[in-house]
């Protein structure tokens, strides 16, 4: 991948990306997160705080990928509401199994 290709993906100029790489400019949080997502690593990995790479042997099913794509822009509170709903549905299933 070229700097220009990554810059295009991030929505910045190649000069900005070069400035981040050379520590001339400080990368903003949104771009840092987008880089981590693109390379499938953690922000800590990008910042040199960790050398641990994610387990690439984990595969995600179509539902999990669709759910992620549909919810990745929600706020933390909205995501928590979805988790609460899923927990509620699971508890209802367990109640029905016990009957």
N, C-alpha and C. Protein backbone atom coordinates (compact mmCIF):
# COMPACT_ATOMS: atom_id res chain seq x y z
N UNK A 1 0.84 -1.18 0.00
CA UNK A 1 0.00 0.00 0.00
C UNK A 1 0.89 1.23 0.00
N UNK A 2 0.48 2.20 -0.76
CA UNK A 2 1.23 3.46 -0.81
C UNK A 2 0.69 4.42 0.25
N UNK A 3 1.49 5.43 0.55
CA UNK A 3 1.03 6.47 1.46
C UNK A 3 -0.23 7.12 0.92
N UNK A 4 -0.27 7.34 -0.38
CA UNK A 4 -1.42 8.01 -0.99
C UNK A 4 -2.68 7.18 -0.83
N UNK A 5 -2.56 5.85 -1.00
CA UNK A 5 -3.73 4.98 -0.84
C UNK A 5 -4.26 5.04 0.59
N UNK A 6 -3.35 4.99 1.57
CA UNK A 6 -3.78 5.08 2.96
C UNK A 6 -4.35 6.46 3.26
N UNK A 7 -3.72 7.49 2.75
CA UNK A 7 -4.22 8.86 2.96
C UNK A 7 -5.63 9.00 2.39
N UNK A 8 -5.85 8.44 1.21
CA UNK A 8 -7.19 8.49 0.60
C UNK A 8 -8.20 7.78 1.48
N UNK A 9 -7.84 6.62 2.01
CA UNK A 9 -8.74 5.87 2.88
C UNK A 9 -9.08 6.68 4.13
N UNK A 10 -8.08 7.36 4.68
CA UNK A 10 -8.29 8.13 5.91
C UNK A 10 -8.92 9.49 5.65
N UNK A 11 -8.96 9.91 4.40
CA UNK A 11 -9.54 11.21 4.07
C UNK A 11 -8.63 12.37 4.39
N UNK A 12 -7.32 12.15 4.28
CA UNK A 12 -6.34 13.21 4.54
C UNK A 12 -5.40 13.29 3.35
N UNK A 13 -4.56 14.30 3.34
CA UNK A 13 -3.57 14.42 2.27
C UNK A 13 -2.38 13.51 2.56
N UNK A 14 -1.63 13.22 1.51
CA UNK A 14 -0.42 12.41 1.67
C UNK A 14 0.59 13.16 2.55
N UNK A 15 0.61 14.47 2.44
CA UNK A 15 1.52 15.29 3.26
C UNK A 15 1.18 15.16 4.75
N UNK A 16 -0.12 15.13 5.06
CA UNK A 16 -0.55 14.97 6.45
C UNK A 16 -0.11 13.61 6.98
N UNK A 17 -0.35 12.57 6.19
CA UNK A 17 0.04 11.22 6.60
C UNK A 17 1.55 11.15 6.82
N UNK A 18 2.31 11.73 5.91
CA UNK A 18 3.77 11.76 6.04
C UNK A 18 4.18 12.50 7.32
N UNK A 19 3.49 13.58 7.62
CA UNK A 19 3.76 14.34 8.84
C UNK A 19 3.51 13.52 10.09
N UNK A 20 2.45 12.68 10.08
CA UNK A 20 2.18 11.80 11.22
C UNK A 20 3.30 10.78 11.37
N UNK A 21 3.70 10.19 10.25
CA UNK A 21 4.74 9.16 10.29
C UNK A 21 6.07 9.72 10.77
N UNK A 22 6.37 10.96 10.41
CA UNK A 22 7.63 11.59 10.81
C UNK A 22 7.52 12.36 12.12
N UNK A 23 6.36 12.23 12.79
CA UNK A 23 6.08 12.90 14.06
C UNK A 23 6.18 14.42 13.96
N UNK A 24 5.93 14.93 12.75
CA UNK A 24 5.87 16.38 12.56
C UNK A 24 4.51 16.90 13.04
N UNK A 25 3.47 16.08 12.83
CA UNK A 25 2.11 16.39 13.28
C UNK A 25 1.63 15.26 14.17
N UNK A 26 0.67 15.59 15.02
CA UNK A 26 0.07 14.56 15.87
C UNK A 26 -1.25 14.11 15.25
N UNK A 27 -1.40 12.80 15.13
CA UNK A 27 -2.61 12.23 14.53
C UNK A 27 -3.80 12.43 15.47
N UNK A 28 -4.95 12.71 14.89
CA UNK A 28 -6.16 12.88 15.71
C UNK A 28 -6.73 11.49 16.05
N UNK A 29 -7.53 11.44 17.09
CA UNK A 29 -8.07 10.17 17.58
C UNK A 29 -8.89 9.44 16.53
N UNK A 30 -9.72 10.15 15.80
CA UNK A 30 -10.57 9.50 14.80
C UNK A 30 -9.73 8.82 13.73
N UNK A 31 -8.68 9.48 13.28
CA UNK A 31 -7.81 8.89 12.25
C UNK A 31 -7.01 7.72 12.82
N UNK A 32 -6.61 7.84 14.07
CA UNK A 32 -5.89 6.75 14.72
C UNK A 32 -6.76 5.50 14.81
N UNK A 33 -8.01 5.69 15.20
CA UNK A 33 -8.95 4.56 15.27
C UNK A 33 -9.20 3.96 13.89
N UNK A 34 -9.31 4.81 12.90
CA UNK A 34 -9.55 4.34 11.54
C UNK A 34 -8.34 3.54 11.03
N UNK A 35 -7.13 3.98 11.37
CA UNK A 35 -5.93 3.22 11.01
C UNK A 35 -5.93 1.85 11.69
N UNK A 36 -6.25 1.83 12.96
CA UNK A 36 -6.28 0.56 13.69
C UNK A 36 -7.31 -0.38 13.08
N UNK A 37 -8.47 0.13 12.73
CA UNK A 37 -9.49 -0.69 12.08
C UNK A 37 -9.00 -1.21 10.74
N UNK A 38 -8.36 -0.35 9.97
CA UNK A 38 -7.91 -0.73 8.64
C UNK A 38 -6.88 -1.87 8.71
N UNK A 39 -5.94 -1.74 9.65
CA UNK A 39 -4.88 -2.74 9.75
C UNK A 39 -5.23 -3.89 10.69
N UNK A 40 -6.43 -3.85 11.28
CA UNK A 40 -6.90 -4.90 12.19
C UNK A 40 -5.95 -5.09 13.38
N UNK A 41 -5.57 -3.97 13.96
CA UNK A 41 -4.72 -3.99 15.15
C UNK A 41 -5.33 -3.03 16.17
N UNK A 42 -4.79 -3.04 17.37
CA UNK A 42 -5.27 -2.12 18.40
C UNK A 42 -4.55 -0.78 18.27
N UNK A 43 -5.15 0.23 18.86
CA UNK A 43 -4.51 1.54 18.91
C UNK A 43 -3.22 1.42 19.72
N UNK A 44 -3.24 0.65 20.79
CA UNK A 44 -2.01 0.45 21.58
C UNK A 44 -0.89 -0.13 20.72
N UNK A 45 -1.22 -1.03 19.82
CA UNK A 45 -0.22 -1.59 18.92
C UNK A 45 0.36 -0.49 18.03
N UNK A 46 -0.51 0.34 17.47
CA UNK A 46 -0.03 1.43 16.60
C UNK A 46 0.85 2.41 17.36
N UNK A 47 0.52 2.64 18.63
CA UNK A 47 1.28 3.60 19.44
C UNK A 47 2.53 2.99 20.06
N UNK A 48 2.75 1.69 19.83
CA UNK A 48 3.93 1.03 20.38
C UNK A 48 3.81 0.64 21.83
N UNK A 49 2.59 0.70 22.36
CA UNK A 49 2.37 0.32 23.77
C UNK A 49 2.16 -1.17 23.93
N UNK A 50 1.98 -1.87 22.83
CA UNK A 50 1.77 -3.31 22.85
C UNK A 50 2.35 -3.89 21.57
N UNK A 51 2.89 -5.09 21.69
CA UNK A 51 3.36 -5.76 20.47
C UNK A 51 2.49 -6.97 20.18
N UNK A 52 1.35 -7.02 20.86
CA UNK A 52 0.43 -8.14 20.70
C UNK A 52 -0.51 -7.88 19.52
N UNK A 53 -0.50 -8.80 18.57
CA UNK A 53 -1.39 -8.71 17.43
C UNK A 53 -2.66 -9.51 17.72
N UNK A 54 -3.78 -9.14 17.10
CA UNK A 54 -5.01 -9.88 17.34
C UNK A 54 -4.91 -11.30 16.81
N UNK A 55 -5.72 -12.17 17.38
CA UNK A 55 -5.78 -13.57 16.95
C UNK A 55 -6.50 -13.62 15.61
N UNK A 56 -5.75 -13.89 14.56
CA UNK A 56 -6.35 -13.91 13.22
C UNK A 56 -7.03 -15.23 12.92
N UNK A 57 -6.95 -16.18 13.85
CA UNK A 57 -7.62 -17.45 13.62
C UNK A 57 -9.11 -17.37 13.93
N UNK A 58 -9.53 -16.28 14.55
CA UNK A 58 -10.94 -16.09 14.88
C UNK A 58 -11.68 -15.69 13.61
N UNK A 59 -12.75 -16.41 13.32
CA UNK A 59 -13.56 -16.04 12.17
C UNK A 59 -14.92 -15.58 12.67
N UNK A 60 -15.47 -14.62 12.00
CA UNK A 60 -16.76 -14.07 12.38
C UNK A 60 -17.81 -14.52 11.39
N UNK A 61 -18.99 -14.85 11.90
CA UNK A 61 -20.07 -15.24 11.01
C UNK A 61 -20.72 -14.01 10.39
N UNK A 62 -21.54 -14.25 9.39
CA UNK A 62 -22.17 -13.14 8.65
C UNK A 62 -23.01 -12.25 9.56
N UNK A 63 -23.71 -12.85 10.53
CA UNK A 63 -24.55 -12.07 11.44
C UNK A 63 -23.70 -11.12 12.27
N UNK A 64 -22.58 -11.62 12.80
CA UNK A 64 -21.71 -10.80 13.63
C UNK A 64 -21.14 -9.64 12.83
N UNK A 65 -20.74 -9.89 11.62
CA UNK A 65 -20.20 -8.83 10.76
C UNK A 65 -21.29 -7.81 10.43
N UNK A 66 -22.50 -8.29 10.11
CA UNK A 66 -23.61 -7.38 9.80
C UNK A 66 -23.97 -6.54 11.02
N UNK A 67 -23.99 -7.16 12.19
CA UNK A 67 -24.32 -6.43 13.42
C UNK A 67 -23.25 -5.37 13.70
N UNK A 68 -22.01 -5.72 13.54
CA UNK A 68 -20.93 -4.75 13.74
C UNK A 68 -21.08 -3.57 12.79
N UNK A 69 -21.28 -3.87 11.51
CA UNK A 69 -21.41 -2.79 10.51
C UNK A 69 -22.61 -1.90 10.78
N UNK A 70 -23.69 -2.49 11.27
CA UNK A 70 -24.91 -1.73 11.53
C UNK A 70 -24.82 -0.89 12.79
N UNK A 71 -23.89 -1.22 13.69
CA UNK A 71 -23.86 -0.55 14.98
C UNK A 71 -22.56 0.20 15.29
N UNK A 72 -21.58 0.15 14.43
CA UNK A 72 -20.27 0.72 14.77
C UNK A 72 -20.30 2.23 14.96
N UNK A 73 -21.31 2.91 14.45
CA UNK A 73 -21.37 4.36 14.60
C UNK A 73 -22.29 4.80 15.75
N UNK A 74 -22.84 3.84 16.47
CA UNK A 74 -23.71 4.19 17.60
C UNK A 74 -22.88 4.70 18.76
N UNK A 75 -23.53 5.43 19.64
CA UNK A 75 -22.84 5.90 20.85
C UNK A 75 -22.66 4.73 21.80
N UNK A 76 -21.82 4.92 22.79
CA UNK A 76 -21.60 3.89 23.80
C UNK A 76 -22.90 3.54 24.51
N UNK A 77 -23.70 4.54 24.81
CA UNK A 77 -24.98 4.30 25.48
C UNK A 77 -25.93 3.48 24.60
N UNK A 78 -25.97 3.79 23.32
CA UNK A 78 -26.83 3.04 22.40
C UNK A 78 -26.36 1.59 22.28
N UNK A 79 -25.05 1.39 22.24
CA UNK A 79 -24.52 0.03 22.19
C UNK A 79 -24.87 -0.74 23.46
N UNK A 80 -24.80 -0.06 24.60
CA UNK A 80 -25.14 -0.71 25.86
C UNK A 80 -26.61 -1.10 25.88
N UNK A 81 -27.48 -0.27 25.31
CA UNK A 81 -28.90 -0.61 25.23
C UNK A 81 -29.11 -1.87 24.40
N UNK A 82 -28.36 -2.01 23.32
CA UNK A 82 -28.45 -3.24 22.50
C UNK A 82 -27.99 -4.45 23.29
N UNK A 83 -26.91 -4.30 24.05
CA UNK A 83 -26.43 -5.41 24.88
C UNK A 83 -27.48 -5.77 25.92
N UNK A 84 -28.09 -4.77 26.53
CA UNK A 84 -29.14 -5.02 27.52
C UNK A 84 -30.31 -5.78 26.89
N UNK A 85 -30.68 -5.39 25.67
CA UNK A 85 -31.78 -6.08 24.97
C UNK A 85 -31.41 -7.54 24.70
N UNK A 86 -30.20 -7.78 24.24
CA UNK A 86 -29.76 -9.16 23.97
C UNK A 86 -29.76 -9.98 25.26
N UNK A 87 -29.31 -9.38 26.36
CA UNK A 87 -29.33 -10.09 27.65
C UNK A 87 -30.75 -10.40 28.07
N UNK A 88 -31.67 -9.47 27.83
CA UNK A 88 -33.07 -9.70 28.16
C UNK A 88 -33.62 -10.87 27.35
N UNK A 89 -33.35 -10.87 26.04
CA UNK A 89 -33.83 -11.97 25.19
C UNK A 89 -33.25 -13.31 25.65
N UNK A 90 -31.98 -13.32 26.01
CA UNK A 90 -31.37 -14.56 26.50
C UNK A 90 -32.01 -15.03 27.80
N UNK A 91 -32.31 -14.11 28.69
CA UNK A 91 -32.94 -14.51 29.95
C UNK A 91 -34.35 -15.04 29.72
N UNK A 92 -35.07 -14.46 28.76
CA UNK A 92 -36.40 -14.96 28.41
C UNK A 92 -36.32 -16.36 27.81
N UNK A 93 -35.33 -16.60 26.99
CA UNK A 93 -35.14 -17.94 26.43
C UNK A 93 -34.88 -18.95 27.53
N UNK A 94 -34.04 -18.56 28.48
CA UNK A 94 -33.73 -19.47 29.60
C UNK A 94 -34.98 -19.76 30.44
N UNK A 95 -35.80 -18.73 30.67
CA UNK A 95 -37.04 -18.92 31.42
C UNK A 95 -37.95 -19.90 30.70
N UNK A 96 -38.07 -19.76 29.38
CA UNK A 96 -38.92 -20.65 28.59
C UNK A 96 -38.40 -22.08 28.58
N UNK A 97 -37.10 -22.26 28.63
CA UNK A 97 -36.52 -23.60 28.67
C UNK A 97 -36.84 -24.30 29.98
N UNK A 98 -36.93 -23.54 31.06
CA UNK A 98 -37.16 -24.10 32.38
C UNK A 98 -38.62 -24.47 32.60
N UNK A 99 -39.51 -24.02 31.75
CA UNK A 99 -40.94 -24.31 31.90
C UNK A 99 -41.27 -25.70 31.44
